[in-house]
Amino acid sequence: MGLPALSMKSALTRFKKGDRVVSDTPVYQVKQSKYGGWQKFVVSREATTAKIPTSTTFEDAAAIPFSLLTAVAALHLHLGMNKPGTKCSGKVLIWSASGSVGGYAVQYAAGLGYEVVATASPRKFEYVRGLGASAVYDYKDDEIVSKLKNLGPYDFIMTASGDAIGASALSEVLQPGGGTFASVRPQSDEMHLAGNVHLVYDFFSMTTQKPENTAFTEWWYRDYLPGALGGNVTPTPLEKRPGGLNKIQEACADVLEGRASKKLVLDPQADVFE
């Protein structure tokens, strides 16, 4: 959620009244309504708040962090990919790269110097290449497993869809030696994974709310996210919906029922600040 910082306790040192900020609240952890984002004024924590660069809109600042954190936490924190600033070589495979999480995963890996192989629907091939992928394949291709295997081996693999078909395909790609891949969904009975394949799953988007990730959280909000918001990543498409708080349930229904093809952004503060 992005908003001007209206009021802060004097103990805070990184922000001042009037700063434009984006923040991840602990509402799912502490279950207190004051932290909820669907209201005009919200309580949040300094440790999970970042300044919004002047060149960045509130809409992009609100839409980028959730999917970007999912991608970076999976690749860096859980799979061991380096942070930006180091030049790497090797190959990375991103399954379902045309969505928000997949697109940011492609950008993160390509930015480090990895050759990125990705899957997407044919109409999204050029878009995914524009994000940094060197090769993009149709995930519905009957020969997708053999094509991906021929380009391997891969240093890191992630599925940004988490569906059973994709996970099962990645298990085949990892044969005969086996290996590990990250997924945005947990392992299920519908996934056919070989015994030598390990699926890594976590609530990646909640990474910065966990006390064991303090060092990562500090790096994320002080260093990485401000740079990403300032232009170091290409924002994935979003749709700004009018209507503010009155339209939140409608927007949620569109997302849950598959009618939203982009990130949806609503402005609860519109009638306050405009």
C-alpha atoms as a PDB file:
ATOM      1  CA  MET A   1       0.000   0.000   0.000  1.00  0.00           C
ATOM      2  CA  GLY A   2       1.349   3.450  -0.876  1.00  0.00           C
ATOM      3  CA  LEU A   3       0.379   6.685   0.825  1.00  0.00           C
ATOM      4  CA  PRO A   4       1.773   9.925   2.248  1.00  0.00           C
ATOM      5  CA  ALA A   5       3.079   9.434   5.768  1.00  0.00           C
ATOM      6  CA  LEU A   6       0.561  11.502   7.729  1.00  0.00           C
ATOM      7  CA  SER A   7       1.707  10.916  11.271  1.00  0.00           C
ATOM      8  CA  MET A   8       4.591   9.083  12.885  1.00  0.00           C
ATOM      9  CA  LYS A   9       5.995   8.573  16.322  1.00  0.00           C
ATOM     10  CA  SER A  10       9.071  10.629  17.143  1.00  0.00           C
ATOM     11  CA  ALA A  11      11.186   7.485  17.585  1.00  0.00           C
ATOM     12  CA  LEU A  12      11.184   6.906  13.830  1.00  0.00           C
ATOM     13  CA  THR A  13      14.368   8.027  12.107  1.00  0.00           C
ATOM     14  CA  ARG A  14      14.015   7.134   8.419  1.00  0.00           C
ATOM     15  CA  PHE A  15      10.884   9.105   7.609  1.00  0.00           C
ATOM     16  CA  LYS A  16       9.299  12.461   8.215  1.00  0.00           C
ATOM     17  CA  LYS A  17       5.772  13.749   7.945  1.00  0.00           C
ATOM     18  CA  GLY A  18       4.759  14.085   4.315  1.00  0.00           C
ATOM     19  CA  ASP A  19       7.103  11.433   2.893  1.00  0.00           C
ATOM     20  CA  ARG A  20       5.618   9.259   0.175  1.00  0.00           C
ATOM     21  CA  VAL A  21       5.968   5.683   1.367  1.00  0.00           C
ATOM     22  CA  VAL A  22       4.963   2.130   0.562  1.00  0.00           C
ATOM     23  CA  SER A  23       4.528  -0.323   3.409  1.00  0.00           C
ATOM     24  CA  ASP A  24       3.797  -3.980   4.072  1.00  0.00           C
ATOM     25  CA  THR A  25       1.636  -4.269   7.165  1.00  0.00           C
ATOM     26  CA  PRO A  26       1.586  -7.300   9.509  1.00  0.00           C
ATOM     27  CA  VAL A  27      -2.194  -7.689   9.354  1.00  0.00           C
ATOM     28  CA  TYR A  28      -2.087 -11.400   8.483  1.00  0.00           C
ATOM     29  CA  GLN A  29       0.307 -12.138  11.326  1.00  0.00           C
ATOM     30  CA  VAL A  30      -1.206 -10.109  14.170  1.00  0.00           C
ATOM     31  CA  LYS A  31      -4.862 -10.189  13.040  1.00  0.00           C
ATOM     32  CA  GLN A  32      -5.530  -6.588  14.093  1.00  0.00           C
ATOM     33  CA  SER A  33      -7.748  -4.418  11.916  1.00  0.00           C
ATOM     34  CA  LYS A  34      -5.652  -1.275  12.436  1.00  0.00           C
ATOM     35  CA  TYR A  35      -3.028  -2.827  10.130  1.00  0.00           C
ATOM     36  CA  GLY A  36      -5.518  -3.647   7.364  1.00  0.00           C
ATOM     37  CA  GLY A  37      -4.963  -2.002   3.998  1.00  0.00           C
ATOM     38  CA  TRP A  38      -8.607  -1.637   3.039  1.00  0.00           C
ATOM     39  CA  GLN A  39      -9.215   1.592   4.929  1.00  0.00           C
ATOM     40  CA  LYS A  40      -8.307   5.255   4.622  1.00  0.00           C
ATOM     41  CA  PHE A  41      -5.688   5.356   7.379  1.00  0.00           C
ATOM     42  CA  VAL A  42      -3.415   2.470   8.289  1.00  0.00           C
ATOM     43  CA  VAL A  43      -0.904   1.652  11.015  1.00  0.00           C
ATOM     44  CA  SER A  44       2.341   0.068   9.841  1.00  0.00           C
ATOM     45  CA  ARG A  45       5.918  -0.530  10.924  1.00  0.00           C
ATOM     46  CA  GLU A  46       9.045   1.419  10.048  1.00  0.00           C
ATOM     47  CA  ALA A  47      11.000  -1.777   9.395  1.00  0.00           C
ATOM     48  CA  THR A  48       8.670  -2.786   6.563  1.00  0.00           C
ATOM     49  CA  THR A  49       8.315   0.638   4.961  1.00  0.00           C
ATOM     50  CA  ALA A  50      10.225   2.193   2.066  1.00  0.00           C
ATOM     51  CA  LYS A  51      10.298   5.639   0.501  1.00  0.00           C
ATOM     52  CA  ILE A  52       8.703   6.038  -2.896  1.00  0.00           C
ATOM     53  CA  PRO A  53      10.954   7.833  -5.420  1.00  0.00           C
ATOM     54  CA  THR A  54       9.518  11.038  -6.834  1.00  0.00           C
ATOM     55  CA  SER A  55       9.404   9.492 -10.317  1.00  0.00           C
ATOM     56  CA  THR A  56       7.143   6.642  -9.187  1.00  0.00           C
ATOM     57  CA  THR A  57       3.361   6.773  -8.970  1.00  0.00           C
ATOM     58  CA  PHE A  58       1.476   5.536  -5.932  1.00  0.00           C
ATOM     59  CA  GLU A  59      -0.201   2.984  -8.210  1.00  0.00           C
ATOM     60  CA  ASP A  60       3.080   1.374  -9.283  1.00  0.00           C
ATOM     61  CA  ALA A  61       4.419   1.574  -5.729  1.00  0.00           C
ATOM     62  CA  ALA A  62       1.379  -0.323  -4.492  1.00  0.00           C
ATOM     63  CA  ALA A  63       1.385  -2.927  -7.268  1.00  0.00           C
ATOM     64  CA  ILE A  64       5.073  -3.821  -7.562  1.00  0.00           C
ATOM     65  CA  PRO A  65       6.256  -5.023  -4.113  1.00  0.00           C
ATOM     66  CA  PHE A  66       3.983  -8.052  -3.537  1.00  0.00           C
ATOM     67  CA  SER A  67       4.921  -9.912  -6.723  1.00  0.00           C
ATOM     68  CA  LEU A  68       8.501  -8.666  -6.719  1.00  0.00           C
ATOM     69  CA  LEU A  69       9.036  -9.861  -3.145  1.00  0.00           C
ATOM     70  CA  THR A  70       7.609 -13.265  -4.046  1.00  0.00           C
ATOM     71  CA  ALA A  71      10.101 -13.630  -6.897  1.00  0.00           C
ATOM     72  CA  VAL A  72      13.157 -12.303  -5.055  1.00  0.00           C
ATOM     73  CA  ALA A  73      12.486 -14.178  -1.811  1.00  0.00           C
ATOM     74  CA  ALA A  74      12.070 -17.435  -3.705  1.00  0.00           C
ATOM     75  CA  LEU A  75      15.170 -17.014  -5.865  1.00  0.00           C
ATOM     76  CA  HIS A  76      17.523 -15.356  -3.392  1.00  0.00           C
ATOM     77  CA  LEU A  77      16.466 -16.329   0.108  1.00  0.00           C
ATOM     78  CA  HIS A  78      15.249 -19.866  -0.573  1.00  0.00           C
ATOM     79  CA  LEU A  79      17.212 -21.023  -3.623  1.00  0.00           C
ATOM     80  CA  GLY A  80      20.415 -19.092  -2.953  1.00  0.00           C
ATOM     81  CA  MET A  81      20.677 -16.802  -5.973  1.00  0.00           C
ATOM     82  CA  ASN A  82      22.924 -13.798  -5.329  1.00  0.00           C
ATOM     83  CA  LYS A  83      21.849 -10.237  -4.676  1.00  0.00           C
ATOM     84  CA  PRO A  84      22.261  -7.569  -7.364  1.00  0.00           C
ATOM     85  CA  GLY A  85      25.757  -6.179  -7.598  1.00  0.00           C
ATOM     86  CA  THR A  86      27.422  -9.476  -8.413  1.00  0.00           C
ATOM     87  CA  LYS A  87      27.884 -10.703 -11.970  1.00  0.00           C
ATOM     88  CA  CYS A  88      26.790 -14.294 -12.427  1.00  0.00           C
ATOM     89  CA  SER A  89      26.826 -16.837 -15.221  1.00  0.00           C
ATOM     90  CA  GLY A  90      24.760 -19.921 -15.837  1.00  0.00           C
ATOM     91  CA  LYS A  91      21.145 -20.649 -16.695  1.00  0.00           C
ATOM     92  CA  VAL A  92      17.835 -20.063 -14.961  1.00  0.00           C
ATOM     93  CA  LEU A  93      14.470 -21.540 -15.921  1.00  0.00           C
ATOM     94  CA  ILE A  94      11.274 -19.633 -15.115  1.00  0.00           C
ATOM     95  CA  TRP A  95       8.025 -21.474 -15.789  1.00  0.00           C
ATOM     96  CA  SER A  96       5.050 -19.168 -16.481  1.00  0.00           C
ATOM     97  CA  ALA A  97       7.038 -15.986 -16.965  1.00  0.00           C
ATOM     98  CA  SER A  98       4.415 -13.618 -18.361  1.00  0.00           C
ATOM     99  CA  GLY A  99       2.599 -12.866 -15.102  1.00  0.00           C
ATOM    100  CA  SER A 100       3.725 -10.469 -12.398  1.00  0.00           C
ATOM    101  CA  VAL A 101       5.766 -12.932 -10.318  1.00  0.00           C
ATOM    102  CA  GLY A 102       7.269 -14.643 -13.348  1.00  0.00           C
ATOM    103  CA  GLY A 103       8.107 -11.349 -15.017  1.00  0.00           C
ATOM    104  CA  TYR A 104       9.944 -10.082 -11.965  1.00  0.00           C
ATOM    105  CA  ALA A 105      11.754 -13.412 -11.601  1.00  0.00           C
ATOM    106  CA  VAL A 106      12.996 -13.088 -15.182  1.00  0.00           C
ATOM    107  CA  GLN A 107      14.192  -9.537 -14.539  1.00  0.00           C
ATOM    108  CA  TYR A 108      15.944 -10.416 -11.291  1.00  0.00           C
ATOM    109  CA  ALA A 109      17.842 -13.348 -12.798  1.00  0.00           C
ATOM    110  CA  ALA A 110      18.683 -11.563 -16.051  1.00  0.00           C
ATOM    111  CA  GLY A 111      19.902  -8.541 -14.112  1.00  0.00           C
ATOM    112  CA  LEU A 112      22.481 -10.715 -12.397  1.00  0.00           C
ATOM    113  CA  GLY A 113      23.777 -11.962 -15.717  1.00  0.00           C
ATOM    114  CA  TYR A 114      22.057 -15.324 -15.958  1.00  0.00           C
ATOM    115  CA  GLU A 115      20.809 -16.659 -19.263  1.00  0.00           C
ATOM    116  CA  VAL A 116      17.079 -16.978 -18.640  1.00  0.00           C
ATOM    117  CA  VAL A 117      14.933 -19.604 -20.323  1.00  0.00           C
ATOM    118  CA  ALA A 118      11.197 -19.124 -19.826  1.00  0.00           C
ATOM    119  CA  THR A 119       7.784 -20.483 -20.703  1.00  0.00           C
ATOM    120  CA  ALA A 120       4.714 -18.461 -21.615  1.00  0.00           C
ATOM    121  CA  SER A 121       1.860 -18.422 -24.100  1.00  0.00           C
ATOM    122  CA  PRO A 122       2.996 -17.527 -27.648  1.00  0.00           C
ATOM    123  CA  ARG A 123       1.275 -14.128 -27.576  1.00  0.00           C
ATOM    124  CA  LYS A 124       3.484 -13.160 -24.622  1.00  0.00           C
ATOM    125  CA  PHE A 125       6.808 -14.295 -26.116  1.00  0.00           C
ATOM    126  CA  GLU A 126       8.009 -10.823 -27.111  1.00  0.00           C
ATOM    127  CA  TYR A 127       6.948  -9.326 -23.794  1.00  0.00           C
ATOM    128  CA  VAL A 128       8.929 -11.925 -21.836  1.00  0.00           C
ATOM    129  CA  ARG A 129      11.968 -11.475 -24.085  1.00  0.00           C
ATOM    130  CA  GLY A 130      11.739  -7.763 -23.406  1.00  0.00           C
ATOM    131  CA  LEU A 131      12.054  -8.480 -19.690  1.00  0.00           C
ATOM    132  CA  GLY A 132      15.359 -10.260 -20.258  1.00  0.00           C
ATOM    133  CA  ALA A 133      14.646 -13.853 -21.263  1.00  0.00           C
ATOM    134  CA  SER A 134      16.940 -15.193 -23.966  1.00  0.00           C
ATOM    135  CA  ALA A 135      14.576 -17.992 -24.993  1.00  0.00           C
ATOM    136  CA  VAL A 136      10.828 -18.419 -24.492  1.00  0.00           C
ATOM    137  CA  TYR A 137       8.818 -21.569 -25.167  1.00  0.00           C
ATOM    138  CA  ASP A 138       5.130 -22.405 -25.287  1.00  0.00           C
ATOM    139  CA  TYR A 139       4.260 -24.182 -22.057  1.00  0.00           C
ATOM    140  CA  LYS A 140       1.560 -26.148 -23.932  1.00  0.00           C
ATOM    141  CA  ASP A 141       4.029 -27.551 -26.470  1.00  0.00           C
ATOM    142  CA  ASP A 142       3.881 -31.359 -26.480  1.00  0.00           C
ATOM    143  CA  GLU A 143       7.678 -31.416 -26.570  1.00  0.00           C
ATOM    144  CA  ILE A 144       8.235 -28.746 -23.920  1.00  0.00           C
ATOM    145  CA  VAL A 145      10.056 -31.073 -21.517  1.00  0.00           C
ATOM    146  CA  SER A 146      12.565 -32.290 -24.089  1.00  0.00           C
ATOM    147  CA  LYS A 147      13.154 -28.759 -25.388  1.00  0.00           C
ATOM    148  CA  LEU A 148      13.841 -27.429 -21.899  1.00  0.00           C
ATOM    149  CA  LYS A 149      16.068 -30.374 -21.013  1.00  0.00           C
ATOM    150  CA  ASN A 150      18.151 -29.802 -24.133  1.00  0.00           C
ATOM    151  CA  LEU A 151      18.897 -26.257 -22.958  1.00  0.00           C
ATOM    152  CA  GLY A 152      19.848 -27.302 -19.420  1.00  0.00           C
ATOM    153  CA  PRO A 153      21.179 -27.934 -16.917  1.00  0.00           C
ATOM    154  CA  TYR A 154      19.885 -25.003 -14.894  1.00  0.00           C
ATOM    155  CA  ASP A 155      21.362 -23.341 -11.846  1.00  0.00           C
ATOM    156  CA  PHE A 156      17.949 -22.245 -10.584  1.00  0.00           C
ATOM    157  CA  ILE A 157      14.384 -23.194 -11.487  1.00  0.00           C
ATOM    158  CA  MET A 158      11.122 -21.571 -10.422  1.00  0.00           C
ATOM    159  CA  THR A 159       7.480 -21.961 -11.370  1.00  0.00           C
ATOM    160  CA  ALA A 160       5.516 -18.739 -11.036  1.00  0.00           C
ATOM    161  CA  SER A 161       2.189 -20.479 -11.614  1.00  0.00           C
ATOM    162  CA  GLY A 162       2.533 -23.373  -9.183  1.00  0.00           C
ATOM    163  CA  ASP A 163       0.092 -25.553 -11.109  1.00  0.00           C
ATOM    164  CA  ALA A 164       0.404 -29.329 -11.185  1.00  0.00           C
ATOM    165  CA  ILE A 165       1.154 -29.546 -14.906  1.00  0.00           C
ATOM    166  CA  GLY A 166       4.062 -27.132 -14.641  1.00  0.00           C
ATOM    167  CA  ALA A 167       5.477 -28.732 -11.498  1.00  0.00           C
ATOM    168  CA  SER A 168       5.292 -32.191 -13.055  1.00  0.00           C
ATOM    169  CA  ALA A 169       7.044 -30.929 -16.183  1.00  0.00           C
ATOM    170  CA  LEU A 170       9.842 -29.386 -14.124  1.00  0.00           C
ATOM    171  CA  SER A 171      10.305 -32.680 -12.300  1.00  0.00           C
ATOM    172  CA  GLU A 172      10.905 -34.325 -15.674  1.00  0.00           C
ATOM    173  CA  VAL A 173      13.279 -31.557 -16.742  1.00  0.00           C
ATOM    174  CA  LEU A 174      15.383 -32.265 -13.637  1.00  0.00           C
ATOM    175  CA  GLN A 175      15.861 -35.926 -14.511  1.00  0.00           C
ATOM    176  CA  PRO A 176      17.861 -38.077 -14.262  1.00  0.00           C
ATOM    177  CA  GLY A 177      19.849 -36.357 -11.538  1.00  0.00           C
ATOM    178  CA  GLY A 178      16.973 -34.669  -9.717  1.00  0.00           C
ATOM    179  CA  GLY A 179      17.140 -31.313  -8.010  1.00  0.00           C
ATOM    180  CA  THR A 180      15.151 -28.466  -6.508  1.00  0.00           C
ATOM    181  CA  PHE A 181      12.749 -25.845  -7.778  1.00  0.00           C
ATOM    182  CA  ALA A 182      10.737 -23.093  -6.105  1.00  0.00           C
ATOM    183  CA  SER A 183       6.978 -22.861  -6.471  1.00  0.00           C
ATOM    184  CA  VAL A 184       4.381 -20.256  -5.538  1.00  0.00           C
ATOM    185  CA  ARG A 185       2.074 -23.085  -4.469  1.00  0.00           C
ATOM    186  CA  PRO A 186       2.741 -26.025  -2.140  1.00  0.00           C
ATOM    187  CA  GLN A 187       3.150 -29.580  -3.343  1.00  0.00           C
ATOM    188  CA  SER A 188      -0.122 -31.380  -4.000  1.00  0.00           C
ATOM    189  CA  ASP A 189      -1.255 -34.900  -4.850  1.00  0.00           C
ATOM    190  CA  GLU A 190      -1.904 -33.791  -8.426  1.00  0.00           C
ATOM    191  CA  MET A 191       1.794 -33.068  -8.929  1.00  0.00           C
ATOM    192  CA  HIS A 192       3.820 -35.991 -10.199  1.00  0.00           C
ATOM    193  CA  LEU A 193       7.238 -35.344  -8.693  1.00  0.00           C
ATOM    194  CA  ALA A 194      10.070 -37.848  -8.798  1.00  0.00           C
ATOM    195  CA  GLY A 195      11.566 -38.950  -5.508  1.00  0.00           C
ATOM    196  CA  ASN A 196      14.784 -37.049  -6.245  1.00  0.00           C
ATOM    197  CA  VAL A 197      12.982 -33.734  -6.791  1.00  0.00           C
ATOM    198  CA  HIS A 198      12.352 -31.234  -3.995  1.00  0.00           C
ATOM    199  CA  LEU A 199       9.721 -28.501  -4.280  1.00  0.00           C
ATOM    200  CA  VAL A 200      10.480 -25.387  -2.209  1.00  0.00           C
ATOM    201  CA  TYR A 201       7.427 -23.440  -1.109  1.00  0.00           C
ATOM    202  CA  ASP A 202       6.771 -20.697   1.412  1.00  0.00           C
ATOM    203  CA  PHE A 203       4.507 -17.683   1.810  1.00  0.00           C
ATOM    204  CA  PHE A 204       7.194 -15.749  -0.049  1.00  0.00           C
ATOM    205  CA  SER A 205       5.203 -12.519   0.001  1.00  0.00           C
ATOM    206  CA  MET A 206       5.243 -12.584   3.830  1.00  0.00           C
ATOM    207  CA  THR A 207       9.011 -12.988   4.043  1.00  0.00           C
ATOM    208  CA  THR A 208       9.638  -9.552   5.521  1.00  0.00           C
ATOM    209  CA  GLN A 209       7.153 -10.128   8.349  1.00  0.00           C
ATOM    210  CA  LYS A 210       9.169 -13.009   9.797  1.00  0.00           C
ATOM    211  CA  PRO A 211      11.706 -12.155  12.545  1.00  0.00           C
ATOM    212  CA  GLU A 212      14.205 -14.710  11.253  1.00  0.00           C
ATOM    213  CA  ASN A 213      14.505 -12.667   8.045  1.00  0.00           C
ATOM    214  CA  THR A 214      15.537  -9.384   9.680  1.00  0.00           C
ATOM    215  CA  ALA A 215      18.696  -8.946   7.600  1.00  0.00           C
ATOM    216  CA  PHE A 216      16.835  -9.605   4.362  1.00  0.00           C
ATOM    217  CA  THR A 217      14.045  -7.238   5.406  1.00  0.00           C
ATOM    218  CA  GLU A 218      16.467  -4.411   6.097  1.00  0.00           C
ATOM    219  CA  TRP A 219      18.158  -4.891   2.726  1.00  0.00           C
ATOM    220  CA  TRP A 220      14.795  -5.088   0.973  1.00  0.00           C
ATOM    221  CA  TYR A 221      13.252  -1.891   2.341  1.00  0.00           C
ATOM    222  CA  ARG A 222      16.365   0.249   2.651  1.00  0.00           C
ATOM    223  CA  ASP A 223      18.236  -0.734  -0.496  1.00  0.00           C
ATOM    224  CA  TYR A 224      16.549  -2.953  -3.039  1.00  0.00           C
ATOM    225  CA  LEU A 225      12.907  -1.869  -3.127  1.00  0.00           C
ATOM    226  CA  PRO A 226      13.570   1.900  -3.437  1.00  0.00           C
ATOM    227  CA  GLY A 227      15.858   1.186  -6.388  1.00  0.00           C
ATOM    228  CA  ALA A 228      13.322  -1.143  -7.958  1.00  0.00           C
ATOM    229  CA  LEU A 229      10.592   1.466  -7.598  1.00  0.00           C
ATOM    230  CA  GLY A 230      12.952   4.067  -9.028  1.00  0.00           C
ATOM    231  CA  GLY A 231      13.276   2.276 -12.342  1.00  0.00           C
ATOM    232  CA  ASN A 232      15.539  -0.727 -11.813  1.00  0.00           C
ATOM    233  CA  VAL A 233      12.673  -3.034 -12.747  1.00  0.00           C
ATOM    234  CA  THR A 234       9.999  -2.772 -15.412  1.00  0.00           C
ATOM    235  CA  PRO A 235       6.570  -2.714 -13.743  1.00  0.00           C
ATOM    236  CA  THR A 236       4.194  -5.409 -14.888  1.00  0.00           C
ATOM    237  CA  PRO A 237       0.861  -4.133 -16.267  1.00  0.00           C
ATOM    238  CA  LEU A 238      -1.702  -2.790 -13.797  1.00  0.00           C
ATOM    239  CA  GLU A 239      -5.241  -1.502 -13.977  1.00  0.00           C
ATOM    240  CA  LYS A 240      -6.367   1.375 -11.779  1.00  0.00           C
ATOM    241  CA  ARG A 241      -9.980   0.925 -10.755  1.00  0.00           C
ATOM    242  CA  PRO A 242     -12.173   3.883  -9.758  1.00  0.00           C
ATOM    243  CA  GLY A 243     -14.513   3.806  -6.810  1.00  0.00           C
ATOM    244  CA  GLY A 244     -12.143   3.492  -3.872  1.00  0.00           C
ATOM    245  CA  LEU A 245     -13.201   1.369  -0.918  1.00  0.00           C
ATOM    246  CA  ASN A 246     -16.684   0.823  -2.324  1.00  0.00           C
ATOM    247  CA  LYS A 247     -15.259  -1.247  -5.189  1.00  0.00           C
ATOM    248  CA  ILE A 248     -12.857  -3.483  -3.256  1.00  0.00           C
ATOM    249  CA  GLN A 249     -15.172  -6.501  -3.015  1.00  0.00           C
ATOM    250  CA  GLU A 250     -15.931  -6.282  -6.722  1.00  0.00           C
ATOM    251  CA  ALA A 251     -12.215  -6.141  -7.540  1.00  0.00           C
ATOM    252  CA  CYS A 252     -11.484  -9.120  -5.284  1.00  0.00           C
ATOM    253  CA  ALA A 253     -14.206 -11.130  -7.000  1.00  0.00           C
ATOM    254  CA  ASP A 254     -12.720 -10.316 -10.409  1.00  0.00           C
ATOM    255  CA  VAL A 255      -9.314 -11.559  -9.254  1.00  0.00           C
ATOM    256  CA  LEU A 256     -10.594 -14.737  -7.596  1.00  0.00           C
ATOM    257  CA  GLU A 257     -12.814 -15.632 -10.544  1.00  0.00           C
ATOM    258  CA  GLY A 258     -10.115 -15.018 -13.150  1.00  0.00           C
ATOM    259  CA  ARG A 259     -11.580 -11.911 -14.771  1.00  0.00           C
ATOM    260  CA  ALA A 260      -8.591  -9.671 -14.013  1.00  0.00           C
ATOM    261  CA  SER A 261      -5.670  -9.967 -16.426  1.00  0.00           C
ATOM    262  CA  LYS A 262      -3.618  -7.252 -14.686  1.00  0.00           C
ATOM    263  CA  LYS A 263      -2.782  -6.158 -11.172  1.00  0.00           C
ATOM    264  CA  LEU A 264      -5.757  -4.195  -9.847  1.00  0.00           C
ATOM    265  CA  VAL A 265      -5.122  -1.002  -7.879  1.00  0.00           C
ATOM    266  CA  LEU A 266      -7.726   0.999  -5.965  1.00  0.00           C
ATOM    267  CA  ASP A 267      -7.134   4.250  -4.097  1.00  0.00           C
ATOM    268  CA  PRO A 268      -8.850   4.308  -0.667  1.00  0.00           C
ATOM    269  CA  GLN A 269      -7.522   7.829  -0.048  1.00  0.00           C
ATOM    270  CA  ALA A 270      -8.856   9.415  -3.248  1.00  0.00           C
ATOM    271  CA  ASP A 271     -11.707  11.319  -1.643  1.00  0.00           C
ATOM    272  CA  VAL A 272      -9.392  12.460   1.169  1.00  0.00           C
ATOM    273  CA  PHE A 273      -6.440  13.849  -0.773  1.00  0.00           C
ATOM    274  CA  GLU A 274      -7.994  14.941  -4.071  1.00  0.00           C
END
